[in-house]
Amino acid sequence: MKERVRLTVWVRGRVQGVGFRWHTRANALRIGGLVGFASNLADGRVHVVAEGPRAECEQLLAWLRGGDTPGRVEGITEIWDTPRGGYGTFEIR
């Protein structure tokens, strides 16, 4: 069985008002096996939580870092943890 993890990411840069959350959700669904959310924060960052197999979470993180996102990512902070559950799909908040 694949190791399941929780990935929490805070994305800094010009990432609000450019479709960033929508594209993050679309990529999480394309990768498959991920549940969680993408949410705007009041300070201009986007908060992403993804739970699922480690390899799929790593794919989402690589996409967030890869430069193919809308807007402009200036930095990412990530935390890896054990899954907490409670998500049925990957949603935009």
PDB file of N, CA and C in Angstrom:
ATOM      1  N   MET A   1       0.839  -1.194   0.000  1.00  0.00           N
ATOM      2  CA  MET A   1       0.000   0.000   0.000  1.00  0.00           C
ATOM      3  C   MET A   1       0.880   1.252   0.000  1.00  0.00           C
ATOM      4  N   LYS A   2       0.454   2.244  -0.740  1.00  0.00           N
ATOM      5  CA  LYS A   2       1.212   3.487  -0.827  1.00  0.00           C
ATOM      6  C   LYS A   2       1.100   4.279   0.466  1.00  0.00           C
ATOM      7  N   GLU A   3       2.218   4.916   0.859  1.00  0.00           N
ATOM      8  CA  GLU A   3       2.217   5.776   2.038  1.00  0.00           C
ATOM      9  C   GLU A   3       1.333   6.997   1.775  1.00  0.00           C
ATOM     10  N   ARG A   4       0.406   7.242   2.684  1.00  0.00           N
ATOM     11  CA  ARG A   4      -0.476   8.413   2.576  1.00  0.00           C
ATOM     12  C   ARG A   4       0.069   9.514   3.469  1.00  0.00           C
ATOM     13  N   VAL A   5       0.038  10.752   2.955  1.00  0.00           N
ATOM     14  CA  VAL A   5       0.609  11.904   3.661  1.00  0.00           C
ATOM     15  C   VAL A   5      -0.331  13.101   3.556  1.00  0.00           C
ATOM     16  N   ARG A   6       0.005  14.120   4.330  1.00  0.00           N
ATOM     17  CA  ARG A   6      -0.668  15.417   4.246  1.00  0.00           C
ATOM     18  C   ARG A   6       0.403  16.443   3.891  1.00  0.00           C
ATOM     19  N   LEU A   7       0.177  17.171   2.825  1.00  0.00           N
ATOM     20  CA  LEU A   7       1.071  18.232   2.380  1.00  0.00           C
ATOM     21  C   LEU A   7       0.350  19.562   2.575  1.00  0.00           C
ATOM     22  N   THR A   8       0.953  20.450   3.346  1.00  0.00           N
ATOM     23  CA  THR A   8       0.418  21.799   3.535  1.00  0.00           C
ATOM     24  C   THR A   8       1.418  22.775   2.918  1.00  0.00           C
ATOM     25  N   VAL A   9       0.922  23.643   2.048  1.00  0.00           N
ATOM     26  CA  VAL A   9       1.791  24.569   1.310  1.00  0.00           C
ATOM     27  C   VAL A   9       1.214  25.977   1.395  1.00  0.00           C
ATOM     28  N   TRP A  10       2.094  26.942   1.607  1.00  0.00           N
ATOM     29  CA  TRP A  10       1.742  28.356   1.508  1.00  0.00           C
ATOM     30  C   TRP A  10       2.521  28.916   0.329  1.00  0.00           C
ATOM     31  N   VAL A  11       1.804  29.469  -0.646  1.00  0.00           N
ATOM     32  CA  VAL A  11       2.411  29.958  -1.880  1.00  0.00           C
ATOM     33  C   VAL A  11       2.398  31.482  -1.862  1.00  0.00           C
ATOM     34  N   ARG A  12       3.582  32.094  -2.011  1.00  0.00           N
ATOM     35  CA  ARG A  12       3.725  33.555  -2.034  1.00  0.00           C
ATOM     36  C   ARG A  12       3.957  34.031  -3.463  1.00  0.00           C
ATOM     37  N   GLY A  13       3.563  35.263  -3.719  1.00  0.00           N
ATOM     38  CA  GLY A  13       3.767  35.873  -5.029  1.00  0.00           C
ATOM     39  C   GLY A  13       2.477  36.500  -5.520  1.00  0.00           C
ATOM     40  N   ARG A  14       2.378  36.649  -6.842  1.00  0.00           N
ATOM     41  CA  ARG A  14       1.132  37.160  -7.445  1.00  0.00           C
ATOM     42  C   ARG A  14       0.283  35.943  -7.793  1.00  0.00           C
ATOM     43  N   VAL A  15      -0.430  35.455  -6.767  1.00  0.00           N
ATOM     44  CA  VAL A  15      -1.155  34.197  -6.913  1.00  0.00           C
ATOM     45  C   VAL A  15      -2.646  34.332  -6.604  1.00  0.00           C
ATOM     46  N   GLN A  16      -3.120  35.545  -6.424  1.00  0.00           N
ATOM     47  CA  GLN A  16      -4.556  35.761  -6.244  1.00  0.00           C
ATOM     48  C   GLN A  16      -5.077  36.584  -7.415  1.00  0.00           C
ATOM     49  N   GLY A  17      -6.299  36.262  -7.842  1.00  0.00           N
ATOM     50  CA  GLY A  17      -6.920  36.977  -8.952  1.00  0.00           C
ATOM     51  C   GLY A  17      -6.409  36.550 -10.312  1.00  0.00           C
ATOM     52  N   VAL A  18      -5.742  35.398 -10.378  1.00  0.00           N
ATOM     53  CA  VAL A  18      -5.174  34.921 -11.652  1.00  0.00           C
ATOM     54  C   VAL A  18      -5.601  33.486 -11.973  1.00  0.00           C
ATOM     55  N   GLY A  19      -6.556  32.938 -11.218  1.00  0.00           N
ATOM     56  CA  GLY A  19      -7.012  31.568 -11.450  1.00  0.00           C
ATOM     57  C   GLY A  19      -6.130  30.513 -10.798  1.00  0.00           C
ATOM     58  N   PHE A  20      -5.298  30.927  -9.851  1.00  0.00           N
ATOM     59  CA  PHE A  20      -4.337  30.009  -9.235  1.00  0.00           C
ATOM     60  C   PHE A  20      -5.026  28.863  -8.509  1.00  0.00           C
ATOM     61  N   ARG A  21      -6.055  29.152  -7.710  1.00  0.00           N
ATOM     62  CA  ARG A  21      -6.755  28.090  -6.975  1.00  0.00           C
ATOM     63  C   ARG A  21      -7.427  27.117  -7.936  1.00  0.00           C
ATOM     64  N   TRP A  22      -8.056  27.635  -8.989  1.00  0.00           N
ATOM     65  CA  TRP A  22      -8.733  26.786  -9.965  1.00  0.00           C
ATOM     66  C   TRP A  22      -7.734  25.837 -10.623  1.00  0.00           C
ATOM     67  N   HIS A  23      -6.587  26.365 -11.043  1.00  0.00           N
ATOM     68  CA  HIS A  23      -5.572  25.529 -11.692  1.00  0.00           C
ATOM     69  C   HIS A  23      -4.963  24.527 -10.713  1.00  0.00           C
ATOM     70  N   THR A  24      -4.819  24.923  -9.453  1.00  0.00           N
ATOM     71  CA  THR A  24      -4.310  23.997  -8.446  1.00  0.00           C
ATOM     72  C   THR A  24      -5.279  22.829  -8.284  1.00  0.00           C
ATOM     73  N   ARG A  25      -6.566  23.131  -8.194  1.00  0.00           N
ATOM     74  CA  ARG A  25      -7.576  22.075  -8.090  1.00  0.00           C
ATOM     75  C   ARG A  25      -7.557  21.185  -9.331  1.00  0.00           C
ATOM     76  N   ALA A  26      -7.519  21.798 -10.510  1.00  0.00           N
ATOM     77  CA  ALA A  26      -7.506  21.031 -11.751  1.00  0.00           C
ATOM     78  C   ALA A  26      -6.302  20.086 -11.802  1.00  0.00           C
ATOM     79  N   ASN A  27      -5.146  20.546 -11.368  1.00  0.00           N
ATOM     80  CA  ASN A  27      -3.959  19.695 -11.375  1.00  0.00           C
ATOM     81  C   ASN A  27      -4.050  18.598 -10.326  1.00  0.00           C
ATOM     82  N   ALA A  28      -4.605  18.893  -9.159  1.00  0.00           N
ATOM     83  CA  ALA A  28      -4.795  17.865  -8.136  1.00  0.00           C
ATOM     84  C   ALA A  28      -5.722  16.764  -8.658  1.00  0.00           C
ATOM     85  N   LEU A  29      -6.790  17.159  -9.349  1.00  0.00           N
ATOM     86  CA  LEU A  29      -7.723  16.178  -9.908  1.00  0.00           C
ATOM     87  C   LEU A  29      -7.089  15.412 -11.066  1.00  0.00           C
ATOM     88  N   ARG A  30      -6.276  16.084 -11.878  1.00  0.00           N
ATOM     89  CA  ARG A  30      -5.590  15.418 -12.996  1.00  0.00           C
ATOM     90  C   ARG A  30      -4.613  14.375 -12.474  1.00  0.00           C
ATOM     91  N   ILE A  31      -3.868  14.726 -11.438  1.00  0.00           N
ATOM     92  CA  ILE A  31      -2.912  13.796 -10.839  1.00  0.00           C
ATOM     93  C   ILE A  31      -3.657  12.596 -10.270  1.00  0.00           C
ATOM     94  N   GLY A  32      -4.788  12.856  -9.626  1.00  0.00           N
ATOM     95  CA  GLY A  32      -5.624  11.790  -9.076  1.00  0.00           C
ATOM     96  C   GLY A  32      -5.168  11.353  -7.695  1.00  0.00           C
ATOM     97  N   GLY A  33      -6.119  10.860  -6.925  1.00  0.00           N
ATOM     98  CA  GLY A  33      -5.813  10.340  -5.605  1.00  0.00           C
ATOM     99  C   GLY A  33      -5.640  11.385  -4.521  1.00  0.00           C
ATOM    100  N   LEU A  34      -5.847  12.670  -4.845  1.00  0.00           N
ATOM    101  CA  LEU A  34      -5.642  13.742  -3.871  1.00  0.00           C
ATOM    102  C   LEU A  34      -6.970  14.350  -3.437  1.00  0.00           C
ATOM    103  N   VAL A  35      -7.065  14.663  -2.157  1.00  0.00           N
ATOM    104  CA  VAL A  35      -8.194  15.404  -1.607  1.00  0.00           C
ATOM    105  C   VAL A  35      -7.619  16.569  -0.813  1.00  0.00           C
ATOM    106  N   GLY A  36      -8.433  17.605  -0.598  1.00  0.00           N
ATOM    107  CA  GLY A  36      -7.963  18.762   0.156  1.00  0.00           C
ATOM    108  C   GLY A  36      -8.581  20.035  -0.373  1.00  0.00           C
ATOM    109  N   PHE A  37      -7.796  21.129  -0.360  1.00  0.00           N
ATOM    110  CA  PHE A  37      -8.344  22.411  -0.795  1.00  0.00           C
ATOM    111  C   PHE A  37      -7.230  23.399  -1.151  1.00  0.00           C
ATOM    112  N   ALA A  38      -7.640  24.451  -1.867  1.00  0.00           N
ATOM    113  CA  ALA A  38      -6.805  25.626  -2.126  1.00  0.00           C
ATOM    114  C   ALA A  38      -7.630  26.838  -1.709  1.00  0.00           C
ATOM    115  N   SER A  39      -7.019  27.730  -0.930  1.00  0.00           N
ATOM    116  CA  SER A  39      -7.746  28.848  -0.350  1.00  0.00           C
ATOM    117  C   SER A  39      -6.899  30.117  -0.383  1.00  0.00           C
ATOM    118  N   ASN A  40      -7.532  31.266  -0.671  1.00  0.00           N
ATOM    119  CA  ASN A  40      -6.840  32.548  -0.589  1.00  0.00           C
ATOM    120  C   ASN A  40      -6.716  32.971   0.873  1.00  0.00           C
ATOM    121  N   LEU A  41      -5.586  33.567   1.225  1.00  0.00           N
ATOM    122  CA  LEU A  41      -5.385  34.140   2.556  1.00  0.00           C
ATOM    123  C   LEU A  41      -5.414  35.664   2.451  1.00  0.00           C
ATOM    124  N   ALA A  42      -5.743  36.319   3.534  1.00  0.00           N
ATOM    125  CA  ALA A  42      -5.865  37.776   3.548  1.00  0.00           C
ATOM    126  C   ALA A  42      -4.554  38.480   3.214  1.00  0.00           C
ATOM    127  N   ASP A  43      -3.414  37.835   3.455  1.00  0.00           N
ATOM    128  CA  ASP A  43      -2.115  38.469   3.198  1.00  0.00           C
ATOM    129  C   ASP A  43      -1.620  38.283   1.763  1.00  0.00           C
ATOM    130  N   GLY A  44      -2.459  37.715   0.882  1.00  0.00           N
ATOM    131  CA  GLY A  44      -2.095  37.566  -0.526  1.00  0.00           C
ATOM    132  C   GLY A  44      -1.545  36.202  -0.895  1.00  0.00           C
ATOM    133  N   ARG A  45      -1.301  35.344   0.082  1.00  0.00           N
ATOM    134  CA  ARG A  45      -0.819  33.997  -0.219  1.00  0.00           C
ATOM    135  C   ARG A  45      -1.993  33.068  -0.544  1.00  0.00           C
ATOM    136  N   VAL A  46      -1.664  31.911  -1.120  1.00  0.00           N
ATOM    137  CA  VAL A  46      -2.631  30.835  -1.303  1.00  0.00           C
ATOM    138  C   VAL A  46      -2.195  29.684  -0.411  1.00  0.00           C
ATOM    139  N   HIS A  47      -3.150  29.136   0.330  1.00  0.00           N
ATOM    140  CA  HIS A  47      -2.935  28.019   1.233  1.00  0.00           C
ATOM    141  C   HIS A  47      -3.459  26.766   0.546  1.00  0.00           C
ATOM    142  N   VAL A  48      -2.616  25.749   0.418  1.00  0.00           N
ATOM    143  CA  VAL A  48      -2.988  24.494  -0.230  1.00  0.00           C
ATOM    144  C   VAL A  48      -2.777  23.363   0.762  1.00  0.00           C
ATOM    145  N   VAL A  49      -3.788  22.527   0.920  1.00  0.00           N
ATOM    146  CA  VAL A  49      -3.662  21.301   1.713  1.00  0.00           C
ATOM    147  C   VAL A  49      -4.052  20.147   0.801  1.00  0.00           C
ATOM    148  N   ALA A  50      -3.164  19.165   0.682  1.00  0.00           N
ATOM    149  CA  ALA A  50      -3.433  17.983  -0.135  1.00  0.00           C
ATOM    150  C   ALA A  50      -3.118  16.743   0.679  1.00  0.00           C
ATOM    151  N   GLU A  51      -4.031  15.790   0.648  1.00  0.00           N
ATOM    152  CA  GLU A  51      -3.807  14.503   1.289  1.00  0.00           C
ATOM    153  C   GLU A  51      -3.956  13.415   0.248  1.00  0.00           C
ATOM    154  N   GLY A  52      -3.069  12.419   0.334  1.00  0.00           N
ATOM    155  CA  GLY A  52      -3.103  11.302  -0.592  1.00  0.00           C
ATOM    156  C   GLY A  52      -1.765  10.606  -0.596  1.00  0.00           C
ATOM    157  N   PRO A  53      -1.525   9.762  -1.594  1.00  0.00           N
ATOM    158  CA  PRO A  53      -0.242   9.079  -1.684  1.00  0.00           C
ATOM    159  C   PRO A  53       0.912  10.078  -1.822  1.00  0.00           C
ATOM    160  N   ARG A  54       2.037   9.769  -1.193  1.00  0.00           N
ATOM    161  CA  ARG A  54       3.192  10.677  -1.197  1.00  0.00           C
ATOM    162  C   ARG A  54       3.606  11.058  -2.619  1.00  0.00           C
ATOM    163  N   ALA A  55       3.659  10.100  -3.527  1.00  0.00           N
ATOM    164  CA  ALA A  55       4.112  10.388  -4.895  1.00  0.00           C
ATOM    165  C   ALA A  55       3.208  11.410  -5.576  1.00  0.00           C
ATOM    166  N   GLU A  56       1.902  11.309  -5.352  1.00  0.00           N
ATOM    167  CA  GLU A  56       0.970  12.248  -5.966  1.00  0.00           C
ATOM    168  C   GLU A  56       1.098  13.635  -5.328  1.00  0.00           C
ATOM    169  N   CYS A  57       1.289  13.688  -4.014  1.00  0.00           N
ATOM    170  CA  CYS A  57       1.518  14.984  -3.355  1.00  0.00           C
ATOM    171  C   CYS A  57       2.809  15.624  -3.868  1.00  0.00           C
ATOM    172  N   GLU A  58       3.833  14.814  -4.086  1.00  0.00           N
ATOM    173  CA  GLU A  58       5.095  15.333  -4.629  1.00  0.00           C
ATOM    174  C   GLU A  58       4.896  15.885  -6.037  1.00  0.00           C
ATOM    175  N   GLN A  59       4.026  15.244  -6.836  1.00  0.00           N
ATOM    176  CA  GLN A  59       3.730  15.760  -8.184  1.00  0.00           C
ATOM    177  C   GLN A  59       3.062  17.124  -8.109  1.00  0.00           C
ATOM    178  N   LEU A  60       2.101  17.276  -7.187  1.00  0.00           N
ATOM    179  CA  LEU A  60       1.429  18.569  -7.039  1.00  0.00           C
ATOM    180  C   LEU A  60       2.423  19.628  -6.595  1.00  0.00           C
ATOM    181  N   LEU A  61       3.294  19.307  -5.651  1.00  0.00           N
ATOM    182  CA  LEU A  61       4.300  20.258  -5.179  1.00  0.00           C
ATOM    183  C   LEU A  61       5.249  20.647  -6.315  1.00  0.00           C
ATOM    184  N   ALA A  62       5.648  19.692  -7.131  1.00  0.00           N
ATOM    185  CA  ALA A  62       6.523  19.990  -8.271  1.00  0.00           C
ATOM    186  C   ALA A  62       5.833  20.946  -9.236  1.00  0.00           C
ATOM    187  N   TRP A  63       4.529  20.746  -9.458  1.00  0.00           N
ATOM    188  CA  TRP A  63       3.794  21.661 -10.342  1.00  0.00           C
ATOM    189  C   TRP A  63       3.754  23.062  -9.723  1.00  0.00           C
ATOM    190  N   LEU A  64       3.485  23.153  -8.425  1.00  0.00           N
ATOM    191  CA  LEU A  64       3.439  24.462  -7.762  1.00  0.00           C
ATOM    192  C   LEU A  64       4.779  25.186  -7.879  1.00  0.00           C
ATOM    193  N   ARG A  65       5.872  24.451  -7.845  1.00  0.00           N
ATOM    194  CA  ARG A  65       7.216  25.041  -7.934  1.00  0.00           C
ATOM    195  C   ARG A  65       7.696  25.233  -9.368  1.00  0.00           C
ATOM    196  N   GLY A  66       7.050  24.581 -10.330  1.00  0.00           N
ATOM    197  CA  GLY A  66       7.592  24.446 -11.672  1.00  0.00           C
ATOM    198  C   GLY A  66       7.518  25.639 -12.594  1.00  0.00           C
ATOM    199  N   GLY A  67       6.801  26.687 -12.246  1.00  0.00           N
ATOM    200  CA  GLY A  67       6.745  27.847 -13.116  1.00  0.00           C
ATOM    201  C   GLY A  67       5.654  27.798 -14.162  1.00  0.00           C
ATOM    202  N   ASP A  68       4.854  26.702 -14.189  1.00  0.00           N
ATOM    203  CA  ASP A  68       3.774  26.584 -15.162  1.00  0.00           C
ATOM    204  C   ASP A  68       2.432  26.983 -14.542  1.00  0.00           C
ATOM    205  N   THR A  69       2.490  27.677 -13.416  1.00  0.00           N
ATOM    206  CA  THR A  69       1.278  28.108 -12.731  1.00  0.00           C
ATOM    207  C   THR A  69       0.844  29.476 -13.259  1.00  0.00           C
ATOM    208  N   PRO A  70      -0.441  29.814 -13.081  1.00  0.00           N
ATOM    209  CA  PRO A  70      -0.845  31.183 -13.422  1.00  0.00           C
ATOM    210  C   PRO A  70      -0.240  32.160 -12.412  1.00  0.00           C
ATOM    211  N   GLY A  71      -0.106  33.386 -12.812  1.00  0.00           N
ATOM    212  CA  GLY A  71       0.482  34.379 -11.912  1.00  0.00           C
ATOM    213  C   GLY A  71       1.985  34.212 -11.814  1.00  0.00           C
ATOM    214  N   ARG A  72       2.524  34.490 -10.624  1.00  0.00           N
ATOM    215  CA  ARG A  72       3.975  34.390 -10.428  1.00  0.00           C
ATOM    216  C   ARG A  72       4.243  33.904  -9.006  1.00  0.00           C
ATOM    217  N   VAL A  73       4.795  32.713  -8.894  1.00  0.00           N
ATOM    218  CA  VAL A  73       5.154  32.160  -7.591  1.00  0.00           C
ATOM    219  C   VAL A  73       6.535  32.680  -7.221  1.00  0.00           C
ATOM    220  N   GLU A  74       6.612  33.332  -6.049  1.00  0.00           N
ATOM    221  CA  GLU A  74       7.897  33.863  -5.572  1.00  0.00           C
ATOM    222  C   GLU A  74       8.512  32.989  -4.493  1.00  0.00           C
ATOM    223  N   GLY A  75       7.707  32.167  -3.864  1.00  0.00           N
ATOM    224  CA  GLY A  75       8.239  31.292  -2.829  1.00  0.00           C
ATOM    225  C   GLY A  75       7.174  30.356  -2.308  1.00  0.00           C
ATOM    226  N   ILE A  76       7.644  29.247  -1.759  1.00  0.00           N
ATOM    227  CA  ILE A  76       6.754  28.223  -1.226  1.00  0.00           C
ATOM    228  C   ILE A  76       7.291  27.770   0.118  1.00  0.00           C
ATOM    229  N   THR A  77       6.396  27.630   1.075  1.00  0.00           N
ATOM    230  CA  THR A  77       6.710  26.996   2.356  1.00  0.00           C
ATOM    231  C   THR A  77       5.875  25.730   2.424  1.00  0.00           C
ATOM    232  N   GLU A  78       6.490  24.614   2.780  1.00  0.00           N
ATOM    233  CA  GLU A  78       5.773  23.340   2.810  1.00  0.00           C
ATOM    234  C   GLU A  78       5.982  22.638   4.142  1.00  0.00           C
ATOM    235  N   ILE A  79       4.976  21.890   4.546  1.00  0.00           N
ATOM    236  CA  ILE A  79       5.048  21.038   5.731  1.00  0.00           C
ATOM    237  C   ILE A  79       4.451  19.689   5.359  1.00  0.00           C
ATOM    238  N   TRP A  80       5.154  18.628   5.699  1.00  0.00           N
ATOM    239  CA  TRP A  80       4.673  17.259   5.498  1.00  0.00           C
ATOM    240  C   TRP A  80       4.225  16.707   6.839  1.00  0.00           C
ATOM    241  N   ASP A  81       3.092  15.975   6.833  1.00  0.00           N
ATOM    242  CA  ASP A  81       2.531  15.457   8.075  1.00  0.00           C
ATOM    243  C   ASP A  81       1.729  14.192   7.762  1.00  0.00           C
ATOM    244  N   THR A  82       1.109  13.639   8.797  1.00  0.00           N
ATOM    245  CA  THR A  82       0.224  12.492   8.606  1.00  0.00           C
ATOM    246  C   THR A  82      -1.161  13.005   8.230  1.00  0.00           C
ATOM    247  N   PRO A  83      -1.906  12.267   7.400  1.00  0.00           N
ATOM    248  CA  PRO A  83      -3.238  12.712   6.981  1.00  0.00           C
ATOM    249  C   PRO A  83      -4.186  12.811   8.178  1.00  0.00           C
ATOM    250  N   ARG A  84      -5.079  13.768   8.102  1.00  0.00           N
ATOM    251  CA  ARG A  84      -6.091  13.950   9.150  1.00  0.00           C
ATOM    252  C   ARG A  84      -7.477  13.534   8.672  1.00  0.00           C
ATOM    253  N   GLY A  85      -7.648  13.442   7.342  1.00  0.00           N
ATOM    254  CA  GLY A  85      -8.945  13.045   6.798  1.00  0.00           C
ATOM    255  C   GLY A  85      -9.949  14.178   6.811  1.00  0.00           C
ATOM    256  N   GLY A  86     -11.184  13.844   6.462  1.00  0.00           N
ATOM    257  CA  GLY A  86     -12.265  14.816   6.477  1.00  0.00           C
ATOM    258  C   GLY A  86     -12.542  15.479   5.142  1.00  0.00           C
ATOM    259  N   TYR A  87     -11.795  15.125   4.096  1.00  0.00           N
ATOM    260  CA  TYR A  87     -12.012  15.715   2.771  1.00  0.00           C
ATOM    261  C   TYR A  87     -12.595  14.649   1.848  1.00  0.00           C
ATOM    262  N   GLY A  88     -13.591  15.046   1.058  1.00  0.00           N
ATOM    263  CA  GLY A  88     -14.193  14.117   0.118  1.00  0.00           C
ATOM    264  C   GLY A  88     -13.645  14.276  -1.295  1.00  0.00           C
ATOM    265  N   THR A  89     -13.127  15.453  -1.589  1.00  0.00           N
ATOM    266  CA  THR A  89     -12.596  15.766  -2.916  1.00  0.00           C
ATOM    267  C   THR A  89     -11.565  16.874  -2.743  1.00  0.00           C
ATOM    268  N   PHE A  90     -11.091  17.444  -3.840  1.00  0.00           N
ATOM    269  CA  PHE A  90     -10.197  18.605  -3.774  1.00  0.00           C
ATOM    270  C   PHE A  90     -11.038  19.813  -4.179  1.00  0.00           C
ATOM    271  N   GLU A  91     -11.131  20.783  -3.286  1.00  0.00           N
ATOM    272  CA  GLU A  91     -12.044  21.899  -3.522  1.00  0.00           C
ATOM    273  C   GLU A  91     -11.337  23.247  -3.435  1.00  0.00           C
ATOM    274  N   ILE A  92     -12.045  24.260  -3.925  1.00  0.00           N
ATOM    275  CA  ILE A  92     -11.615  25.649  -3.817  1.00  0.00           C
ATOM    276  C   ILE A  92     -12.400  26.268  -2.672  1.00  0.00           C
ATOM    277  N   ARG A  93     -11.694  26.929  -1.797  1.00  0.00           N
ATOM    278  CA  ARG A  93     -12.371  27.612  -0.674  1.00  0.00           C
ATOM    279  C   ARG A  93     -12.183  29.102  -0.778  1.00  0.00           C
TER     280      ARG A  93
END
